[in-house]
Structures are given as structure tokens and as C-alpha cells.
Protein backbone atom coordinates (compact mmCIF):
# COMPACT_ATOMS: atom_id res chain seq x y z
CA MET A 1 69.20 -27.97 19.78
CA GLN A 2 71.90 -25.66 21.09
CA PHE A 3 73.54 -23.21 18.70
CA ASN A 4 77.15 -22.29 19.39
CA ILE A 5 78.10 -19.50 17.02
CA GLY A 6 81.65 -19.41 18.29
CA SER A 7 82.43 -22.97 17.27
CA ARG A 8 80.12 -22.76 14.24
CA LYS A 9 78.08 -25.66 15.55
CA TRP A 10 74.92 -24.12 14.13
CA VAL A 11 76.43 -24.37 10.63
CA ARG A 12 77.00 -28.11 11.05
CA LEU A 13 73.47 -28.56 12.39
CA LEU A 14 72.05 -26.58 9.48
CA LEU A 15 73.94 -28.69 6.95
CA PHE A 16 72.84 -31.83 8.76
CA ALA A 17 69.20 -30.68 8.66
CA VAL A 18 69.47 -30.00 4.92
CA GLY A 19 70.97 -33.46 4.39
CA VAL A 20 68.18 -35.14 6.37
CA TYR A 21 65.59 -33.12 4.45
CA LEU A 22 67.00 -34.23 1.10
CA ALA A 23 67.09 -37.83 2.31
CA LEU A 24 63.42 -37.67 3.35
CA LEU A 25 62.18 -36.18 0.07
CA PRO A 26 61.89 -39.56 -1.74
CA LEU A 27 59.90 -41.03 1.15
CA TRP A 28 57.59 -38.02 1.16
CA TRP A 29 57.12 -38.28 -2.61
CA LEU A 30 56.24 -41.98 -2.38
CA ALA A 31 53.78 -41.30 0.45
CA LEU A 32 51.89 -38.60 -1.47
CA PRO A 33 49.41 -41.00 -3.18
CA ILE A 34 48.51 -42.47 0.21
CA LEU A 35 48.06 -39.01 1.69
CA ALA A 36 45.98 -37.94 -1.31
CA SER A 37 43.71 -40.98 -0.98
CA ALA A 38 43.19 -40.46 2.75
CA SER A 39 42.63 -36.71 2.64
CA GLY A 40 40.47 -36.96 -0.48
CA PHE A 41 38.24 -39.65 1.05
CA VAL A 42 37.70 -37.72 4.30
CA ALA A 43 37.22 -34.36 2.55
CA ASN A 44 34.72 -35.86 0.10
CA TRP A 45 32.68 -37.37 2.92
CA ILE A 46 32.60 -34.15 4.96
CA PHE A 47 32.05 -31.79 2.03
CA GLY A 48 29.33 -34.01 0.60
CA LEU A 49 27.24 -33.37 3.71
CA PHE A 50 26.98 -29.68 2.76
CA ASP A 51 27.17 -29.66 -1.05
CA ALA A 52 26.07 -32.71 -3.00
CA ARG A 53 27.22 -31.19 -6.29
CA VAL A 54 30.86 -31.73 -5.42
CA SER A 55 32.87 -34.92 -5.74
CA ILE A 56 36.45 -35.09 -4.48
CA VAL A 57 38.40 -37.89 -6.15
CA PRO A 58 42.09 -38.68 -5.52
CA GLU A 59 44.14 -39.38 -8.64
CA GLY A 60 47.66 -40.36 -7.70
CA ARG A 61 49.34 -37.32 -6.17
CA VAL A 62 46.47 -35.06 -7.27
CA VAL A 63 43.12 -34.53 -5.59
CA ARG A 64 40.53 -33.68 -8.23
CA VAL A 65 37.37 -31.69 -7.48
CA LEU A 66 34.36 -32.21 -9.76
CA VAL A 67 31.47 -29.74 -9.57
CA ARG A 68 28.17 -30.49 -11.31
CA ALA A 69 26.89 -27.06 -12.33
CA LEU A 70 23.25 -26.18 -12.98
CA ASP A 71 23.97 -25.30 -16.62
CA GLY A 72 25.04 -28.87 -17.28
CA GLN A 73 28.72 -28.05 -17.75
CA PRO A 74 30.81 -29.92 -15.16
CA THR A 75 33.85 -28.15 -13.81
CA SER A 76 36.99 -29.96 -12.79
CA SER A 77 40.04 -28.67 -10.92
CA GLY A 78 43.04 -30.54 -9.60
CA LEU A 79 45.04 -29.85 -6.47
CA ARG A 80 48.61 -31.10 -6.48
CA LEU A 81 49.17 -32.35 -2.97
CA ASP A 82 52.91 -31.72 -3.10
CA THR A 83 52.23 -27.96 -3.17
CA VAL A 84 50.55 -28.01 0.25
CA THR A 85 52.47 -30.76 2.04
CA TYR A 86 56.15 -30.06 1.36
CA GLY A 87 56.43 -28.87 4.95
CA LEU A 88 56.19 -32.50 6.16
CA PRO A 89 59.81 -33.48 5.37
CA MET A 90 60.95 -30.08 6.68
CA PHE A 91 59.34 -30.74 10.05
CA ALA A 92 60.74 -34.26 10.21
CA ALA A 93 64.24 -32.98 9.42
CA LEU A 94 64.03 -30.33 12.15
CA VAL A 95 62.99 -32.94 14.70
CA MET A 96 65.72 -35.36 13.68
CA VAL A 97 68.49 -32.79 14.29
CA THR A 98 67.00 -31.64 17.59
CA ARG A 99 68.55 -32.98 20.76
CA ALA A 100 66.17 -35.22 22.71
CA ASP A 101 66.36 -37.31 25.89
CA SER A 102 65.90 -40.53 23.94
CA LEU A 103 65.16 -41.90 20.50
CA ARG A 104 61.68 -42.79 21.71
CA ALA A 105 60.92 -39.14 22.51
CA LYS A 106 62.20 -38.07 19.10
CA LEU A 107 60.15 -40.68 17.23
CA ARG A 108 57.08 -39.76 19.27
CA THR A 109 57.50 -36.11 18.31
CA VAL A 110 57.95 -36.96 14.64
CA PHE A 111 54.85 -39.16 14.63
CA LEU A 112 52.58 -36.65 16.37
CA GLY A 113 53.80 -33.76 14.23
CA LEU A 114 53.37 -35.61 10.95
CA VAL A 115 49.89 -36.77 11.95
CA LEU A 116 48.91 -33.19 12.81
CA MET A 117 50.30 -31.71 9.60
CA SER A 118 48.69 -34.49 7.56
CA ALA A 119 45.33 -33.82 9.23
CA LEU A 120 45.60 -30.17 8.15
CA THR A 121 45.52 -31.41 4.55
CA VAL A 122 41.83 -32.30 4.86
CA PRO A 123 40.59 -28.71 5.45
CA VAL A 124 42.99 -27.53 2.72
CA VAL A 125 41.36 -29.91 0.23
CA MET A 126 37.93 -28.75 1.39
CA ALA A 127 39.01 -25.12 0.92
CA TRP A 128 40.07 -25.94 -2.64
CA ALA A 129 36.68 -27.58 -3.27
CA LYS A 130 34.89 -24.52 -1.88
CA LEU A 131 37.03 -22.25 -4.05
CA THR A 132 36.06 -24.28 -7.12
CA THR A 133 32.34 -24.10 -6.31
CA LEU A 134 32.53 -20.33 -5.76
CA GLN A 135 34.20 -19.89 -9.11
CA VAL A 136 31.46 -21.95 -10.75
CA ASP A 137 28.71 -19.93 -9.06
CA GLU A 138 30.37 -16.66 -10.05
CA ARG A 139 30.64 -17.86 -13.65
CA LEU A 140 26.93 -18.62 -13.70
CA ALA A 141 25.99 -15.35 -12.03
CA ALA A 142 28.51 -13.38 -14.11
CA SER A 143 29.15 -11.03 -11.21
CA GLY A 144 31.03 -10.73 -7.93
CA ASN A 145 34.38 -11.97 -6.77
CA SER A 146 33.67 -13.71 -3.47
CA SER A 147 36.30 -16.36 -4.18
CA GLY A 148 39.15 -13.85 -4.13
CA PHE A 149 39.78 -13.95 -0.39
CA LEU A 150 39.69 -17.75 -0.28
CA TYR A 151 42.05 -17.88 -3.25
CA TYR A 152 44.69 -15.77 -1.50
CA ALA A 153 44.18 -17.55 1.83
CA PHE A 154 44.71 -20.93 0.19
CA HIS A 155 47.87 -19.89 -1.64
CA GLY A 156 49.10 -18.15 1.50
CA TYR A 157 48.97 -21.47 3.33
CA ALA A 158 50.69 -23.23 0.43
CA PHE A 159 53.57 -20.73 0.32
CA SER A 160 53.92 -20.69 4.14
CA GLN A 161 54.65 -24.42 4.51
CA PRO A 162 58.16 -23.73 5.92
CA VAL A 163 56.62 -21.38 8.48
CA VAL A 164 54.05 -24.02 9.45
CA ALA A 165 56.78 -26.63 9.89
CA ILE A 166 58.95 -24.34 12.03
CA ALA A 167 55.99 -23.18 14.12
CA LEU A 168 54.95 -26.76 14.81
CA TRP A 169 58.53 -27.71 15.67
CA LEU A 170 58.82 -24.81 18.13
CA GLY A 171 55.45 -25.73 19.62
CA MET A 172 56.59 -29.31 20.18
CA MET A 173 59.71 -28.01 21.93
CA MET A 174 57.67 -25.71 24.18
CA LEU A 175 55.37 -28.61 25.09
CA GLY A 176 58.37 -30.68 26.16
CA MET A 177 57.87 -33.39 23.56
CA PHE A 178 61.62 -34.00 23.32
CA THR A 179 61.90 -34.98 27.00
CA ASP A 180 60.94 -38.31 28.51
CA THR A 181 58.54 -38.42 31.41
CA LYS A 182 60.37 -39.33 34.60
CA LYS A 183 59.65 -42.78 35.95
CA PRO A 184 58.80 -43.04 39.64
CA ASP A 185 61.76 -43.82 41.86
CA SER A 186 61.71 -47.46 42.95
CA SER A 187 63.01 -46.45 46.38
CA THR A 188 59.89 -44.39 47.06
CA ARG A 189 57.29 -46.77 45.65
CA ILE A 190 54.43 -47.82 47.88
CA ILE A 191 54.60 -51.44 49.09
CA ARG A 192 51.39 -53.14 50.16
CA ARG A 193 51.35 -54.66 53.66
CA ASN A 194 50.65 -58.19 52.41
CA ALA A 195 53.12 -58.04 49.51
CA PRO A 196 56.37 -60.05 49.68
CA CYS A 197 59.09 -58.14 51.48
CA PRO A 198 61.65 -56.68 49.04
CA CYS A 199 64.52 -57.78 51.30
CA GLY A 200 64.07 -61.38 50.13
CA SER A 201 63.18 -62.93 53.49
CA GLY A 202 60.12 -64.64 52.05
CA ARG A 203 57.80 -63.11 54.63
CA LYS A 204 55.11 -60.51 54.11
CA TYR A 205 56.17 -56.90 54.27
CA LYS A 206 54.07 -56.22 57.39
CA ARG A 207 55.86 -59.11 59.20
CA CYS A 208 59.36 -58.06 58.10
CA CYS A 209 60.59 -54.58 57.17
CA GLY A 210 57.13 -53.15 57.67
CA LEU A 211 57.11 -54.34 61.26
CA ALA A 212 60.50 -52.73 61.88
CA SER A 213 59.27 -49.38 60.54
CA VAL A 214 56.23 -49.53 62.81
CA ILE A 215 58.45 -50.21 65.86
CA ASN A 216 60.76 -47.33 64.96
CA GLN A 217 57.82 -44.95 64.61
CA SER A 218 56.42 -46.03 68.00
CA ARG A 219 59.72 -45.20 69.71
CA LEU A 220 59.68 -41.61 68.45
């Protein structure tokens, strides 16, 4: 994407990006239950390997964490997935307004970026589950505040969703995701000796053009 301050092209691109972002918001909102189910299922399976007290259950657009405490009082906390995934439509909007060699390259970049950002939701859900268990343990012990750092780290990631989207977009640009890989030139492709000659004579390459190239090389 090239910004031309003199002709105010960057203003038009910015307005276009905002329009694309607003258009993508309904799709993102409708996809949240699917994302919650997928991230909740994976996070529950992984977290259950380390702490059997915890159950992570998706409920619509919310991922609920249930902790079975030793005192018999279960603790429940819900994570609204929209608070940690609103960077997804931002990233998609940035890609859509970025100049690319082809539509295929642009769609490939959108797909890979959305998959990566969606995968980051799994450790975020696990961090929320760990935060809930720490709060339960601190309530039982009535001392300490070991969940404080994790609390601020989690909310720091939630508030920095625009930064995550922009950083991923810049990373995709630096990796050359918006450019198509060059196809090999047909004029320089390797022709097998027994393959049909490309001149259309019907003979094998070694008996036609290939023979002429051998004669020319022998004269040098």
C-alpha cells in the first residue's frame, strides 16, 4: 500500500479500510460461536492434561471456565471471546486494502493471518483458566497475589488487539505474502530427449531440434 500525502491518497485508503472493517464486523460476530467452540475444545483438552479440576465449556460467544475447588464450592468465570478477537476483522481489513500482485495472493494472506490469530485464542483461553485457578487457590489460602501478573498480562493482550493486527499485517508484508511466486519461464524449461519436439514435427526432441543443437555445439 503506497501512501501519497500530496494527493491525500492515504486518506482515501484509510476511509476504505474503515469501511471494509465495518462490513466485516457482522461476519466476525457470526463466527464467534464457532471460534469459541473450537478454542474451548482445544484449550479444555490441553489444560485437562495438567489440571483435572478445570473444565472449559463454550457457551455461545463465551468460553466458561469451571474450577472444582477442594472446599466444595465450584468457581465459574466467563471469557467473552469478542474482547480478545476483535483484531481479526482489523487484520482482514488491512489486507484487503493492501496492494497485492493478485487476488490469490491477497486471499492467501487473509487466510493464513486469520488462522494464526485464531490459533492465538487457544493460549488466551488457557491463560484465563489459569488465572481462575490461581484466584481460587489464593481464596483458599487467604494469602498472596500470584495471579496479579497474569491478570495484567491477559488484559494487556486484550487491549492490544489493534497492535497485534498491525504487527501481523506488517510481518506478512515483510515475508512477501502479497507477491506471487514467479512461474518458471517456458522458454527455459528442460525438455527430455525422448519427449515430443515442441516445434510440432512429430519427431522426438533428440531427432529434431535437439539434434540441431548438438550439431551447432560440435561446430564451436
